Protein backbone atom coordinates (compact mmCIF):
# COMPACT_ATOMS: atom_id res chain seq x y z
CA MET A 1 0.08 0.11 0.19
CA ASP A 2 0.65 4.00 -0.44
CA HIS A 3 1.09 6.28 2.43
CA LEU A 4 -2.34 7.61 1.49
CA GLU A 5 -3.88 3.86 1.65
CA VAL A 6 -1.86 3.17 5.09
CA LEU A 7 -3.90 6.53 6.45
CA GLU A 8 -6.96 5.29 4.66
CA SER A 9 -6.96 1.42 6.90
CA GLN A 10 -5.92 2.67 9.72
CA SER A 11 -9.23 5.68 10.02
CA MET A 12 -11.23 3.34 9.11
CA PHE A 13 -9.96 1.18 10.98
CA ILE A 14 -10.31 3.56 14.13
CA LEU A 15 -13.95 3.97 13.17
CA ARG A 16 -14.84 0.51 12.93
CA GLU A 17 -13.20 0.54 16.98
CA ALA A 18 -14.82 3.06 18.19
CA TYR A 19 -18.40 1.87 16.43
CA ARG A 20 -17.97 -1.34 18.06
CA SER A 21 -16.71 0.23 21.96
CA PHE A 22 -19.04 3.21 22.22
CA GLY A 23 -22.83 2.79 21.67
CA ASP A 24 -23.94 6.47 21.59
CA LEU A 25 -21.05 7.66 19.32
CA VAL A 26 -22.03 10.91 16.94
CA MET A 27 -19.75 12.36 14.49
CA LEU A 28 -18.71 16.27 14.07
CA TRP A 29 -19.12 17.44 10.23
CA SER A 30 -17.51 21.56 11.00
CA ILE A 31 -18.29 21.08 7.08
CA GLY A 32 -14.36 22.12 6.66
CA LYS A 33 -12.22 19.50 4.55
CA ASP A 34 -11.13 17.50 7.46
CA SER A 35 -14.53 16.88 8.68
CA THR A 36 -15.86 16.23 5.42
CA VAL A 37 -12.67 13.81 4.50
CA LEU A 38 -13.56 11.79 7.85
CA LEU A 39 -17.13 11.50 6.38
CA TRP A 40 -16.11 10.10 3.44
CA LEU A 41 -14.27 7.47 4.97
CA ALA A 42 -17.17 6.71 7.30
CA ARG A 43 -18.86 6.24 3.60
CA LYS A 44 -16.23 3.62 3.22
CA ALA A 45 -15.59 2.03 6.61
CA PHE A 46 -19.49 1.10 6.41
CA PHE A 47 -19.95 0.20 3.04
CA GLY A 48 -21.32 3.60 1.67
CA HIS A 49 -23.98 3.90 4.76
CA VAL A 50 -22.82 6.00 7.66
CA PRO A 51 -24.50 4.45 11.21
CA ILE A 52 -23.42 7.15 12.80
CA PRO A 53 -25.65 10.22 13.27
CA LEU A 54 -23.41 13.67 12.31
CA MET A 55 -23.83 16.79 14.29
CA HIS A 56 -22.96 20.66 13.61
CA ILE A 57 -22.20 22.76 16.00
CA ASP A 58 -23.84 26.59 13.71
CA THR A 59 -22.69 29.44 15.58
CA THR A 60 -25.00 30.83 12.71
CA PHE A 61 -21.93 33.04 12.15
CA LYS A 62 -20.90 30.64 8.66
CA VAL A 63 -20.35 31.46 5.65
CA PRO A 64 -24.47 30.91 3.65
CA ALA A 65 -22.41 28.50 1.59
CA MET A 66 -21.30 25.64 3.95
CA ILE A 67 -24.74 25.44 5.07
CA GLU A 68 -26.21 24.95 1.71
CA TYR A 69 -22.89 22.57 1.46
CA ARG A 70 -24.11 20.97 4.57
CA ASP A 71 -27.98 20.58 3.72
CA ARG A 72 -27.08 18.97 -0.12
CA PHE A 73 -24.90 16.45 0.58
CA ALA A 74 -26.82 15.30 3.97
CA LYS A 75 -29.88 14.52 2.46
CA GLN A 76 -27.97 13.57 -1.14
CA TRP A 77 -26.47 11.23 1.56
CA LYS A 78 -29.02 10.19 3.32
CA ILE A 79 -26.63 11.32 6.22
CA ASN A 80 -28.94 11.72 10.41
CA MET A 81 -27.90 15.06 10.77
CA ILE A 82 -28.02 16.67 14.36
CA VAL A 83 -27.52 20.81 14.43
CA GLY A 84 -26.84 22.13 18.20
CA LYS A 85 -27.04 26.17 18.67
CA ASN A 86 -26.52 28.32 21.57
CA GLU A 87 -29.81 29.48 21.63
CA GLU A 88 -29.57 32.29 24.92
CA VAL A 89 -26.64 33.33 24.26
CA LEU A 90 -27.63 34.61 20.05
CA GLU A 91 -31.27 35.70 21.32
CA SER A 92 -29.19 37.70 23.67
CA LYS A 93 -26.36 38.54 21.22
CA GLU A 94 -24.16 38.23 23.99
CA THR A 95 -21.43 37.39 20.70
CA PHE A 96 -18.40 38.74 19.41
CA PRO A 97 -20.35 40.16 16.59
CA ASP A 98 -22.80 42.01 18.52
CA GLY A 99 -19.53 43.70 19.75
CA LYS A 100 -20.49 42.56 23.76
CA THR A 101 -17.18 39.66 24.29
CA ASN A 102 -14.33 38.68 22.97
CA ARG A 103 -13.84 36.76 20.40
CA LEU A 104 -12.62 33.94 23.47
CA GLN A 105 -15.64 34.03 25.24
CA CYS A 106 -17.78 33.91 21.82
CA CYS A 107 -16.29 31.11 20.89
CA ALA A 108 -16.77 29.34 24.28
CA SER A 109 -20.21 30.53 24.43
CA LEU A 110 -21.41 29.54 20.84
CA LYS A 111 -18.84 26.13 20.37
CA SER A 112 -18.04 24.63 23.36
CA GLU A 113 -20.63 24.81 25.41
CA ALA A 114 -23.15 24.57 22.73
CA LEU A 115 -21.58 20.88 22.02
CA LYS A 116 -21.52 20.04 25.44
CA HIS A 117 -25.19 20.93 26.07
CA THR A 118 -25.85 19.50 22.34
CA LEU A 119 -24.53 16.52 23.21
CA SER A 120 -26.42 15.11 26.35
CA GLY A 121 -29.08 16.20 25.65
CA ASP A 122 -29.29 19.15 27.80
CA TRP A 123 -30.26 21.38 25.00
CA PRO A 124 -32.80 21.23 21.96
CA ARG A 125 -31.31 19.49 18.95
CA TRP A 126 -32.36 20.68 15.32
CA VAL A 127 -33.39 17.45 13.55
CA LEU A 128 -33.64 17.30 9.70
CA ASN A 129 -36.59 15.29 8.75
CA HIS A 130 -35.29 13.72 4.83
CA LYS A 131 -39.00 13.40 4.13
CA SER A 132 -40.21 16.97 4.30
CA GLY A 133 -36.27 17.86 4.30
CA GLU A 134 -36.99 20.49 7.12
CA TYR A 135 -35.23 21.08 10.43
CA GLU A 136 -37.43 19.41 13.33
CA LYS A 137 -36.67 20.66 17.09
CA GLN A 138 -36.46 18.76 19.36
CA LEU A 139 -36.10 18.04 23.31
CA ASN A 140 -34.93 15.51 25.89
CA GLY A 141 -32.72 13.61 23.47
CA LYS A 142 -30.21 10.63 24.23
CA PRO A 143 -26.96 11.74 25.71
CA PHE A 144 -24.02 11.19 23.56
CA THR A 145 -21.10 10.13 25.13
CA GLY A 146 -18.72 9.20 22.09
CA VAL A 147 -18.00 11.79 20.05
CA ILE A 148 -15.55 11.39 16.20
CA VAL A 149 -13.78 14.75 15.52
CA GLY A 150 -11.76 15.28 12.15
CA ALA A 151 -8.63 17.11 14.39
CA ARG A 152 -4.99 16.38 13.15
CA ALA A 153 -2.05 16.86 15.46
CA ASP A 154 -0.26 19.01 12.93
CA GLU A 155 -3.33 21.55 12.97
CA GLU A 156 -1.94 22.90 15.42
CA GLY A 157 0.18 23.02 19.01
CA SER A 158 -2.82 21.62 21.06
CA ARG A 159 -4.16 18.51 18.85
CA SER A 160 -0.38 17.10 19.34
CA LYS A 161 -0.91 16.35 22.29
CA GLU A 162 -4.38 14.04 21.13
CA ARG A 163 -4.71 10.16 21.40
CA TYR A 164 -6.50 8.29 18.62
CA PHE A 165 -9.06 7.62 22.08
CA SER A 166 -8.91 10.34 24.94
CA PRO A 167 -11.16 10.60 27.55
CA ARG A 168 -12.33 13.76 28.82
CA ASP A 169 -14.67 13.89 32.40
CA ARG A 170 -18.65 14.22 32.53
CA HIS A 171 -18.06 17.37 32.12
CA ASN A 172 -16.22 17.04 28.74
CA ASP A 173 -13.25 18.61 30.02
CA TRP A 174 -9.82 17.66 28.91
CA ASP A 175 -7.09 17.08 31.65
CA VAL A 176 -4.02 16.86 29.12
CA ALA A 177 -2.03 15.31 31.16
CA ASP A 178 -4.10 12.49 31.92
CA GLN A 179 -4.23 10.47 28.37
CA PRO A 180 -3.89 6.92 27.81
CA PRO A 181 -0.68 5.47 25.98
CA GLU A 182 -1.73 4.18 22.36
CA LEU A 183 2.01 2.47 21.74
CA TRP A 184 2.15 0.02 18.93
CA ASN A 185 -0.87 0.46 17.49
CA GLN A 186 -2.65 -1.12 20.53
CA PHE A 187 -5.48 1.38 21.27
CA LYS A 188 -7.66 1.56 24.97
CA THR A 189 -11.19 1.91 24.41
CA ASP A 190 -11.97 0.24 27.86
CA PHE A 191 -12.94 3.49 29.89
CA ALA A 192 -14.30 4.09 32.90
CA PRO A 193 -18.64 4.62 32.95
CA GLY A 194 -19.20 8.51 32.29
CA THR A 195 -15.75 8.36 30.52
CA HIS A 196 -16.64 11.38 27.52
CA VAL A 197 -14.16 9.73 24.47
CA ARG A 198 -13.27 11.67 21.83
CA VAL A 199 -11.79 9.50 18.89
CA HIS A 200 -9.48 10.96 16.50
CA PRO A 201 -8.93 8.39 13.11
CA LEU A 202 -7.50 11.58 11.42
CA LEU A 203 -4.68 12.44 13.55
CA ASP A 204 -1.75 11.50 11.67
CA TRP A 205 -2.87 13.15 8.24
CA THR A 206 -1.03 15.84 7.00
CA GLU A 207 -2.56 19.06 5.31
CA LEU A 208 -1.09 18.22 2.22
CA ASN A 209 -2.30 14.18 2.83
CA ILE A 210 -5.52 15.24 3.69
CA TRP A 211 -5.97 17.16 0.39
CA GLU A 212 -3.93 13.88 -1.86
CA TYR A 213 -6.84 12.05 -0.69
CA ILE A 214 -9.64 14.66 -2.38
CA GLU A 215 -8.31 14.71 -5.51
CA ARG A 216 -7.54 11.16 -5.51
CA GLU A 217 -11.02 10.22 -3.90
CA ASN A 218 -12.95 12.66 -6.04
CA ILE A 219 -14.21 14.46 -2.57
CA PRO A 220 -16.47 17.09 -2.88
CA ILE A 221 -14.76 19.37 -0.97
CA ILE A 222 -16.36 23.09 -0.66
CA ASP A 223 -15.57 25.62 -3.51
CA LEU A 224 -14.70 28.36 -0.55
CA TYR A 225 -11.24 26.82 -0.27
CA PHE A 226 -10.29 27.83 -3.93
CA ASP A 227 -9.60 30.85 -5.65
CA ASN A 228 -12.61 32.42 -7.61
CA GLY A 229 -10.78 35.10 -9.35
CA GLU A 230 -9.83 37.52 -5.93
CA GLY A 231 -6.55 36.20 -5.55
CA LYS A 232 -7.99 35.09 -1.94
CA ARG A 233 -8.74 31.62 -0.53
CA TYR A 234 -9.34 29.54 2.79
CA ARG A 235 -7.91 27.23 4.41
CA SER A 236 -8.80 27.03 7.29
CA LEU A 237 -12.95 27.57 7.57
CA GLY A 238 -15.16 29.27 10.16
CA CYS A 239 -17.14 31.84 11.37
CA TYR A 240 -16.92 34.96 8.79
CA PRO A 241 -16.45 37.16 11.40
CA CYS A 242 -13.37 35.57 13.15
CA THR A 243 -12.23 34.41 10.13
CA SER A 244 -9.11 35.59 7.15
CA SER A 245 -8.69 33.88 3.64
CA VAL A 246 -5.31 34.00 2.36
CA ASP A 247 -3.25 35.14 -1.10
CA SER A 248 -3.24 32.70 -3.39
CA THR A 249 -4.44 32.16 -6.90
CA ALA A 250 -4.85 28.42 -6.46
CA LYS A 251 -8.65 27.54 -8.45
CA ASN A 252 -8.53 23.28 -7.86
CA VAL A 253 -7.31 20.59 -5.70
CA ARG A 254 -4.42 20.28 -8.09
CA GLU A 255 -3.13 24.02 -7.50
CA VAL A 256 -3.99 23.76 -3.51
CA ILE A 257 -1.48 20.03 -3.91
CA ALA A 258 0.90 22.32 -5.80
CA GLU A 259 1.24 25.61 -3.17
CA LEU A 260 1.09 22.93 -0.12
CA ARG A 261 3.96 20.73 -1.89
CA GLY A 262 5.94 23.53 -3.06
CA GLY A 263 6.04 24.96 0.34
CA LYS A 264 4.33 28.74 -0.35
CA PHE A 265 2.84 27.84 3.34
CA ALA A 266 5.86 26.68 4.91
CA ASN A 267 6.07 29.10 7.60
CA ILE A 268 2.14 29.84 8.24
CA ALA A 269 0.34 28.01 10.58
CA GLU A 270 -2.50 26.92 8.88
CA ARG A 271 -4.74 28.29 11.21
CA SER A 272 -3.50 31.45 11.17
CA GLY A 273 -6.32 33.04 9.80
CA ARG A 274 -8.29 32.09 12.58
CA GLU A 275 -8.48 35.23 15.25
CA GLN A 276 -9.49 33.46 18.42
CA ASP A 277 -6.44 31.39 18.41
CA LYS A 278 -4.22 34.22 19.21
CA GLU A 279 -6.50 35.94 21.75
CA ASP A 280 -5.01 34.92 25.35
CA GLY A 281 -1.33 33.67 23.44
CA SER A 282 -1.60 29.54 24.22
CA GLY A 283 -3.60 29.19 20.92
CA LEU A 284 -6.25 26.64 21.16
CA GLU A 285 -5.43 24.91 24.12
CA THR A 286 -8.06 26.70 26.52
CA LEU A 287 -10.55 26.13 24.82
CA ARG A 288 -9.98 22.30 24.17
CA ARG A 289 -9.68 22.16 27.93
CA ASP A 290 -13.07 23.55 27.71
CA GLY A 291 -14.80 20.98 25.76
CA TYR A 292 -14.32 22.67 22.16
CA MET A 293 -13.78 20.87 19.30
């Protein structure tokens, strides 16, 4: 097998092992390239069917094209799609775009808190009805205790400290110093009752691997990653008030790969356009310790 086939095989093994080991499992879909590759791998791992529900935490500040893309493929691929959000904060406008808080606090409210309470079932969930094509509000949902995430170790410093199977406490909080060793592809999946587990099938993939796999598999990726004629594109997608584009004329997957292989972004962090990462001087780790993706 070549390197991409090895990565694909390992990721599908992790997905199947997670499905076998954890009953109340959900997969996060941010609509970005990594989680879309993860979704593609799940479809391959389970022979075209995704037996795991997908969850998107909607801050309502995503680029509208991202939501259109999400719903189009959720319907096309018959995905059990769940959406969560922090209604209270959105209604009170206690957000960074509304000028009421800083970026880090906004992320904590609209992403971390929304994720925690949507996973636990404490807050409403909006579930896609494939017959009507609309999202229906549901209350008192069953808690999810296992969450599959498309995080990569090379993407950002705190993510390099992750494990394939990473335990959290009952509140989704992450103790970086208390993680199980994973040596020689031996993974711990028998955690104490009540443990919340994050699963990271893409941990050893790189940004270049992701794009090479997208090209090989012809995965439909949202076109925000490509230059539309203005010499700008996104490397990492987030909320539009806090995410900047990069200077690039790459108009398709092959040209993105050429940029990465040529070293155009060799000294520029992939998430350099994500302003919330810079706000407290410790990158994303503060948010991740409190349950962020």
